[in-house]
Amino acid sequence: MRIGGAYSFNQGKDVLESTYPAELQEIREIIATVDATQLKTKKSAEKTIPGRMLFSPKALNKAFAQHFHALNWQTHREYCEYPLGFYTEDYDPPEPAAGAYREMDFVKNRVGVEVQFGKYAFMVYNVAAKMTIFRNMNVINAGVEIVPLKELAEQMSTGVSYFEQFVWDLEHRGVSNIDVPVLILGITP
């Protein structure tokens, strides 16, 4: 695959290039190594595009995971212990779910990476919430969000969000004082 778009959110590009150049170079190499031609394996059952072969988000995620793990990037989980003090007096909550957690796809040397081929809400959550949480938990200092360009999203199931839409929203949202420096990379075959 190749990088066709790069958006620096909260000085993400500058922070990564100056403080984490080796990690950024590995991320670029991993993207270039993923062979998209082998990942158009999902046969559409959608009414608008029946039978069309599409890029499989599961296959894409698996390919990225293999390459990241080969370079010692680790998946990181933070287990959640949900507070009980916020229920109303007349509500008797069930036992909290055992094993609940938040997960970052890949972490190495305080750089967090999320690979997102899903719905728009997940992209926003990753950058505007999850990366801040993981920074507050002393796991990361900066992040990279890898998302499809519109060209790639159009060759996936309907509803997959894309780089151009995400950048437009971030530009209009602006940066908050709690935001983590993040480089958003738009990729395509």
C-alpha atoms as a PDB file:
ATOM      1  CA  MET A   1       0.000   0.000   0.000  1.00  0.00           C
ATOM      2  CA  ARG A   2       1.051   3.600  -0.207  1.00  0.00           C
ATOM      3  CA  ILE A   3       0.467   6.806   1.696  1.00  0.00           C
ATOM      4  CA  GLY A   4      -1.570   9.226  -0.381  1.00  0.00           C
ATOM      5  CA  GLY A   5      -2.452  11.736   2.330  1.00  0.00           C
ATOM      6  CA  ALA A   6      -0.962  13.008   5.571  1.00  0.00           C
ATOM      7  CA  TYR A   7      -2.643  15.340   8.063  1.00  0.00           C
ATOM      8  CA  SER A   8      -0.837  16.686  11.089  1.00  0.00           C
ATOM      9  CA  PHE A   9      -3.248  17.085  14.005  1.00  0.00           C
ATOM     10  CA  ASN A  10      -1.924  19.081  16.967  1.00  0.00           C
ATOM     11  CA  GLN A  11       1.586  19.135  15.475  1.00  0.00           C
ATOM     12  CA  GLY A  12       1.639  15.340  15.136  1.00  0.00           C
ATOM     13  CA  LYS A  13       3.965  15.321  12.126  1.00  0.00           C
ATOM     14  CA  ASP A  14       6.513  17.640  13.773  1.00  0.00           C
ATOM     15  CA  VAL A  15       6.498  15.673  17.044  1.00  0.00           C
ATOM     16  CA  LEU A  16       6.903  12.324  15.308  1.00  0.00           C
ATOM     17  CA  GLU A  17       9.633  13.541  12.932  1.00  0.00           C
ATOM     18  CA  SER A  18      11.644  15.235  15.682  1.00  0.00           C
ATOM     19  CA  THR A  19      11.152  12.856  18.623  1.00  0.00           C
ATOM     20  CA  TYR A  20      10.216   9.491  17.071  1.00  0.00           C
ATOM     21  CA  PRO A  21      11.800   9.372  13.587  1.00  0.00           C
ATOM     22  CA  ALA A  22      12.685   5.658  13.780  1.00  0.00           C
ATOM     23  CA  GLU A  23       9.138   4.676  14.728  1.00  0.00           C
ATOM     24  CA  LEU A  24       7.681   6.888  12.000  1.00  0.00           C
ATOM     25  CA  GLN A  25      10.006   5.318   9.440  1.00  0.00           C
ATOM     26  CA  GLU A  26       8.924   1.819  10.539  1.00  0.00           C
ATOM     27  CA  ILE A  27       5.266   2.808  10.145  1.00  0.00           C
ATOM     28  CA  ARG A  28       5.927   4.077   6.620  1.00  0.00           C
ATOM     29  CA  GLU A  29       7.808   0.867   5.763  1.00  0.00           C
ATOM     30  CA  ILE A  30       4.993  -1.302   7.134  1.00  0.00           C
ATOM     31  CA  ILE A  31       2.413   0.524   5.018  1.00  0.00           C
ATOM     32  CA  ALA A  32       4.596   0.082   1.921  1.00  0.00           C
ATOM     33  CA  THR A  33       5.035  -3.622   2.690  1.00  0.00           C
ATOM     34  CA  VAL A  34       1.333  -4.499   2.911  1.00  0.00           C
ATOM     35  CA  ASP A  35       0.353  -6.010  -0.450  1.00  0.00           C
ATOM     36  CA  ALA A  36      -3.221  -4.873  -1.063  1.00  0.00           C
ATOM     37  CA  THR A  37      -3.561  -6.941  -4.242  1.00  0.00           C
ATOM     38  CA  GLN A  38      -3.921 -10.042  -2.070  1.00  0.00           C
ATOM     39  CA  LEU A  39      -6.607  -8.524   0.187  1.00  0.00           C
ATOM     40  CA  LYS A  40      -9.587  -8.017  -2.138  1.00  0.00           C
ATOM     41  CA  THR A  41     -11.231 -11.120  -0.739  1.00  0.00           C
ATOM     42  CA  LYS A  42     -14.690 -10.027   0.439  1.00  0.00           C
ATOM     43  CA  LYS A  43     -17.597 -10.802  -1.894  1.00  0.00           C
ATOM     44  CA  SER A  44     -20.269  -8.155  -1.447  1.00  0.00           C
ATOM     45  CA  ALA A  45     -23.745  -9.183  -0.396  1.00  0.00           C
ATOM     46  CA  GLU A  46     -24.928  -5.567  -0.374  1.00  0.00           C
ATOM     47  CA  LYS A  47     -27.939  -4.634  -2.517  1.00  0.00           C
ATOM     48  CA  THR A  48     -26.101  -1.822  -4.299  1.00  0.00           C
ATOM     49  CA  ILE A  49     -22.995  -3.842  -5.227  1.00  0.00           C
ATOM     50  CA  PRO A  50     -23.918  -7.560  -5.190  1.00  0.00           C
ATOM     51  CA  GLY A  51     -21.117  -9.973  -6.006  1.00  0.00           C
ATOM     52  CA  ARG A  52     -18.446  -7.276  -6.315  1.00  0.00           C
ATOM     53  CA  MET A  53     -15.085  -8.182  -4.819  1.00  0.00           C
ATOM     54  CA  LEU A  54     -14.068  -5.729  -2.096  1.00  0.00           C
ATOM     55  CA  PHE A  55     -11.102  -5.132   0.173  1.00  0.00           C
ATOM     56  CA  SER A  56     -11.648  -6.998   3.417  1.00  0.00           C
ATOM     57  CA  PRO A  57     -11.119  -4.914   6.584  1.00  0.00           C
ATOM     58  CA  LYS A  58     -10.342  -8.117   8.510  1.00  0.00           C
ATOM     59  CA  ALA A  59      -7.693  -9.156   5.995  1.00  0.00           C
ATOM     60  CA  LEU A  60      -6.208  -5.636   5.956  1.00  0.00           C
ATOM     61  CA  ASN A  61      -6.060  -5.520   9.756  1.00  0.00           C
ATOM     62  CA  LYS A  62      -4.467  -8.971   9.894  1.00  0.00           C
ATOM     63  CA  ALA A  63      -1.800  -7.979   7.353  1.00  0.00           C
ATOM     64  CA  PHE A  64      -0.956  -4.814   9.284  1.00  0.00           C
ATOM     65  CA  ALA A  65      -0.823  -6.749  12.571  1.00  0.00           C
ATOM     66  CA  GLN A  66       1.638  -9.275  11.131  1.00  0.00           C
ATOM     67  CA  HIS A  67       3.979  -6.530   9.948  1.00  0.00           C
ATOM     68  CA  PHE A  68       3.749  -4.421  13.115  1.00  0.00           C
ATOM     69  CA  HIS A  69       4.305  -7.414  15.391  1.00  0.00           C
ATOM     70  CA  ALA A  70       7.284  -8.533  13.286  1.00  0.00           C
ATOM     71  CA  LEU A  71       8.941  -5.211  14.202  1.00  0.00           C
ATOM     72  CA  ASN A  72       8.121  -5.612  17.918  1.00  0.00           C
ATOM     73  CA  TRP A  73       5.160  -3.259  18.077  1.00  0.00           C
ATOM     74  CA  GLN A  74       2.866  -4.517  20.830  1.00  0.00           C
ATOM     75  CA  THR A  75      -0.895  -4.428  21.238  1.00  0.00           C
ATOM     76  CA  HIS A  76      -1.591  -2.659  24.534  1.00  0.00           C
ATOM     77  CA  ARG A  77      -4.603  -3.230  26.786  1.00  0.00           C
ATOM     78  CA  GLU A  78      -5.704  -1.233  29.789  1.00  0.00           C
ATOM     79  CA  TYR A  79      -8.234  -3.122  31.883  1.00  0.00           C
ATOM     80  CA  CYS A  80     -11.182  -1.103  33.128  1.00  0.00           C
ATOM     81  CA  GLU A  81     -12.488  -1.065  36.639  1.00  0.00           C
ATOM     82  CA  TYR A  82     -15.707   0.851  36.236  1.00  0.00           C
ATOM     83  CA  PRO A  83     -16.694   3.183  39.083  1.00  0.00           C
ATOM     84  CA  LEU A  84     -19.934   2.343  40.847  1.00  0.00           C
ATOM     85  CA  GLY A  85     -20.519   5.668  42.601  1.00  0.00           C
ATOM     86  CA  PHE A  86     -22.449   7.259  39.752  1.00  0.00           C
ATOM     87  CA  TYR A  87     -25.585   5.152  39.816  1.00  0.00           C
ATOM     88  CA  THR A  88     -28.771   6.615  41.238  1.00  0.00           C
ATOM     89  CA  GLU A  89     -29.884   5.439  44.668  1.00  0.00           C
ATOM     90  CA  ASP A  90     -32.857   3.533  43.278  1.00  0.00           C
ATOM     91  CA  TYR A  91     -30.794   1.558  40.727  1.00  0.00           C
ATOM     92  CA  ASP A  92     -29.209  -1.755  41.665  1.00  0.00           C
ATOM     93  CA  PRO A  93     -26.492  -2.301  39.051  1.00  0.00           C
ATOM     94  CA  PRO A  94     -25.523  -5.775  37.864  1.00  0.00           C
ATOM     95  CA  GLU A  95     -22.003  -6.997  38.541  1.00  0.00           C
ATOM     96  CA  PRO A  96     -19.505  -5.203  36.281  1.00  0.00           C
ATOM     97  CA  ALA A  97     -18.370  -7.158  33.252  1.00  0.00           C
ATOM     98  CA  ALA A  98     -15.168  -9.008  34.022  1.00  0.00           C
ATOM     99  CA  GLY A  99     -12.271  -8.370  31.704  1.00  0.00           C
ATOM    100  CA  ALA A 100     -13.485  -5.087  30.169  1.00  0.00           C
ATOM    101  CA  TYR A 101     -10.614  -3.193  28.570  1.00  0.00           C
ATOM    102  CA  ARG A 102      -9.515  -0.476  26.159  1.00  0.00           C
ATOM    103  CA  GLU A 103      -6.960  -1.463  23.547  1.00  0.00           C
ATOM    104  CA  MET A 104      -4.479   0.327  21.327  1.00  0.00           C
ATOM    105  CA  ASP A 105      -3.594  -1.598  18.164  1.00  0.00           C
ATOM    106  CA  PHE A 106       0.174  -1.052  18.374  1.00  0.00           C
ATOM    107  CA  VAL A 107       2.529   0.715  20.769  1.00  0.00           C
ATOM    108  CA  LYS A 108       6.293   1.122  20.642  1.00  0.00           C
ATOM    109  CA  ASN A 109       8.518   3.625  22.450  1.00  0.00           C
ATOM    110  CA  ARG A 110       5.509   5.761  23.487  1.00  0.00           C
ATOM    111  CA  VAL A 111       4.048   5.981  19.973  1.00  0.00           C
ATOM    112  CA  GLY A 112       0.540   4.570  19.577  1.00  0.00           C
ATOM    113  CA  VAL A 113      -0.862   3.409  16.235  1.00  0.00           C
ATOM    114  CA  GLU A 114      -4.463   2.730  15.327  1.00  0.00           C
ATOM    115  CA  VAL A 115      -5.368   1.119  11.992  1.00  0.00           C
ATOM    116  CA  GLN A 116      -8.993   1.936  11.230  1.00  0.00           C
ATOM    117  CA  PHE A 117     -11.055   0.564   8.348  1.00  0.00           C
ATOM    118  CA  GLY A 118     -14.397   0.963  10.080  1.00  0.00           C
ATOM    119  CA  LYS A 119     -17.129   3.474  10.639  1.00  0.00           C
ATOM    120  CA  TYR A 120     -16.451   7.175  11.056  1.00  0.00           C
ATOM    121  CA  ALA A 121     -17.207   7.198  14.798  1.00  0.00           C
ATOM    122  CA  PHE A 122     -14.260   4.891  15.466  1.00  0.00           C
ATOM    123  CA  MET A 123     -11.801   7.265  13.760  1.00  0.00           C
ATOM    124  CA  VAL A 124     -13.022  10.181  15.838  1.00  0.00           C
ATOM    125  CA  TYR A 125     -12.974   8.099  19.031  1.00  0.00           C
ATOM    126  CA  ASN A 126      -9.400   6.951  18.386  1.00  0.00           C
ATOM    127  CA  VAL A 127      -7.988  10.462  17.959  1.00  0.00           C
ATOM    128  CA  ALA A 128     -10.256  12.541  20.192  1.00  0.00           C
ATOM    129  CA  ALA A 129     -10.647  10.110  23.109  1.00  0.00           C
ATOM    130  CA  LYS A 130      -8.626   6.889  23.074  1.00  0.00           C
ATOM    131  CA  MET A 131      -5.232   8.468  22.380  1.00  0.00           C
ATOM    132  CA  THR A 132      -5.846  11.034  25.127  1.00  0.00           C
ATOM    133  CA  ILE A 133      -6.789   8.259  27.565  1.00  0.00           C
ATOM    134  CA  PHE A 134      -3.639   6.279  26.728  1.00  0.00           C
ATOM    135  CA  ARG A 135      -1.498   9.388  27.106  1.00  0.00           C
ATOM    136  CA  ASN A 136      -3.119  10.098  30.475  1.00  0.00           C
ATOM    137  CA  MET A 137      -2.333   6.496  31.490  1.00  0.00           C
ATOM    138  CA  ASN A 138       1.341   7.144  30.604  1.00  0.00           C
ATOM    139  CA  VAL A 139       1.409   4.738  27.632  1.00  0.00           C
ATOM    140  CA  ILE A 140       1.905   7.079  24.648  1.00  0.00           C
ATOM    141  CA  ASN A 141       3.065  10.612  23.894  1.00  0.00           C
ATOM    142  CA  ALA A 142       2.037  10.756  20.226  1.00  0.00           C
ATOM    143  CA  GLY A 143      -0.069   8.770  17.808  1.00  0.00           C
ATOM    144  CA  VAL A 144      -0.588   7.724  14.216  1.00  0.00           C
ATOM    145  CA  GLU A 145      -4.016   6.930  12.782  1.00  0.00           C
ATOM    146  CA  ILE A 146      -3.946   4.907   9.534  1.00  0.00           C
ATOM    147  CA  VAL A 147      -7.168   5.236   7.531  1.00  0.00           C
ATOM    148  CA  PRO A 148      -8.263   4.630   3.946  1.00  0.00           C
ATOM    149  CA  LEU A 149      -8.342   7.378   1.371  1.00  0.00           C
ATOM    150  CA  LYS A 150     -11.728   7.787  -0.334  1.00  0.00           C
ATOM    151  CA  GLU A 151     -10.343   5.855  -3.318  1.00  0.00           C
ATOM    152  CA  LEU A 152      -9.803   2.792  -1.089  1.00  0.00           C
ATOM    153  CA  ALA A 153     -13.012   3.232   0.940  1.00  0.00           C
ATOM    154  CA  GLU A 154     -15.000   3.080  -2.317  1.00  0.00           C
ATOM    155  CA  GLN A 155     -13.607  -0.442  -2.814  1.00  0.00           C
ATOM    156  CA  MET A 156     -14.802  -1.580   0.627  1.00  0.00           C
ATOM    157  CA  SER A 157     -18.208  -2.183   2.190  1.00  0.00           C
ATOM    158  CA  THR A 158     -20.526   0.809   2.377  1.00  0.00           C
ATOM    159  CA  GLY A 159     -20.204   2.932   5.474  1.00  0.00           C
ATOM    160  CA  VAL A 160     -16.419   2.795   5.782  1.00  0.00           C
ATOM    161  CA  SER A 161     -15.139   6.257   6.551  1.00  0.00           C
ATOM    162  CA  TYR A 162     -12.157   7.854   4.860  1.00  0.00           C
ATOM    163  CA  PHE A 163      -9.276  10.285   5.247  1.00  0.00           C
ATOM    164  CA  GLU A 164     -10.781  13.259   3.408  1.00  0.00           C
ATOM    165  CA  GLN A 165     -13.962  13.238   5.525  1.00  0.00           C
ATOM    166  CA  PHE A 166     -11.982  12.797   8.735  1.00  0.00           C
ATOM    167  CA  VAL A 167      -9.589  15.662   7.958  1.00  0.00           C
ATOM    168  CA  TRP A 168     -12.472  18.002   7.105  1.00  0.00           C
ATOM    169  CA  ASP A 169     -14.062  17.319  10.489  1.00  0.00           C
ATOM    170  CA  LEU A 170     -10.820  17.726  12.431  1.00  0.00           C
ATOM    171  CA  GLU A 171     -10.122  21.007  10.635  1.00  0.00           C
ATOM    172  CA  HIS A 172     -13.536  22.305  11.678  1.00  0.00           C
ATOM    173  CA  ARG A 173     -13.349  20.862  15.199  1.00  0.00           C
ATOM    174  CA  GLY A 174     -10.033  22.479  15.998  1.00  0.00           C
ATOM    175  CA  VAL A 175      -7.464  21.379  18.577  1.00  0.00           C
ATOM    176  CA  SER A 176      -8.158  21.179  22.298  1.00  0.00           C
ATOM    177  CA  ASN A 177      -5.617  21.487  25.084  1.00  0.00           C
ATOM    178  CA  ILE A 178      -6.116  17.784  25.905  1.00  0.00           C
ATOM    179  CA  ASP A 179      -5.448  16.481  22.380  1.00  0.00           C
ATOM    180  CA  VAL A 180      -2.462  14.264  21.644  1.00  0.00           C
ATOM    181  CA  PRO A 181      -0.192  15.049  18.674  1.00  0.00           C
ATOM    182  CA  VAL A 182      -1.397  12.676  15.939  1.00  0.00           C
ATOM    183  CA  LEU A 183      -0.354  12.116  12.338  1.00  0.00           C
ATOM    184  CA  ILE A 184      -3.250  10.827  10.251  1.00  0.00           C
ATOM    185  CA  LEU A 185      -2.112   8.828   7.238  1.00  0.00           C
ATOM    186  CA  GLY A 186      -4.497   8.159   4.348  1.00  0.00           C
ATOM    187  CA  ILE A 187      -3.600   5.010   2.447  1.00  0.00           C
ATOM    188  CA  THR A 188      -4.561   3.424  -0.842  1.00  0.00           C
ATOM    189  CA  PRO A 189      -3.484   0.400  -2.904  1.00  0.00           C
END
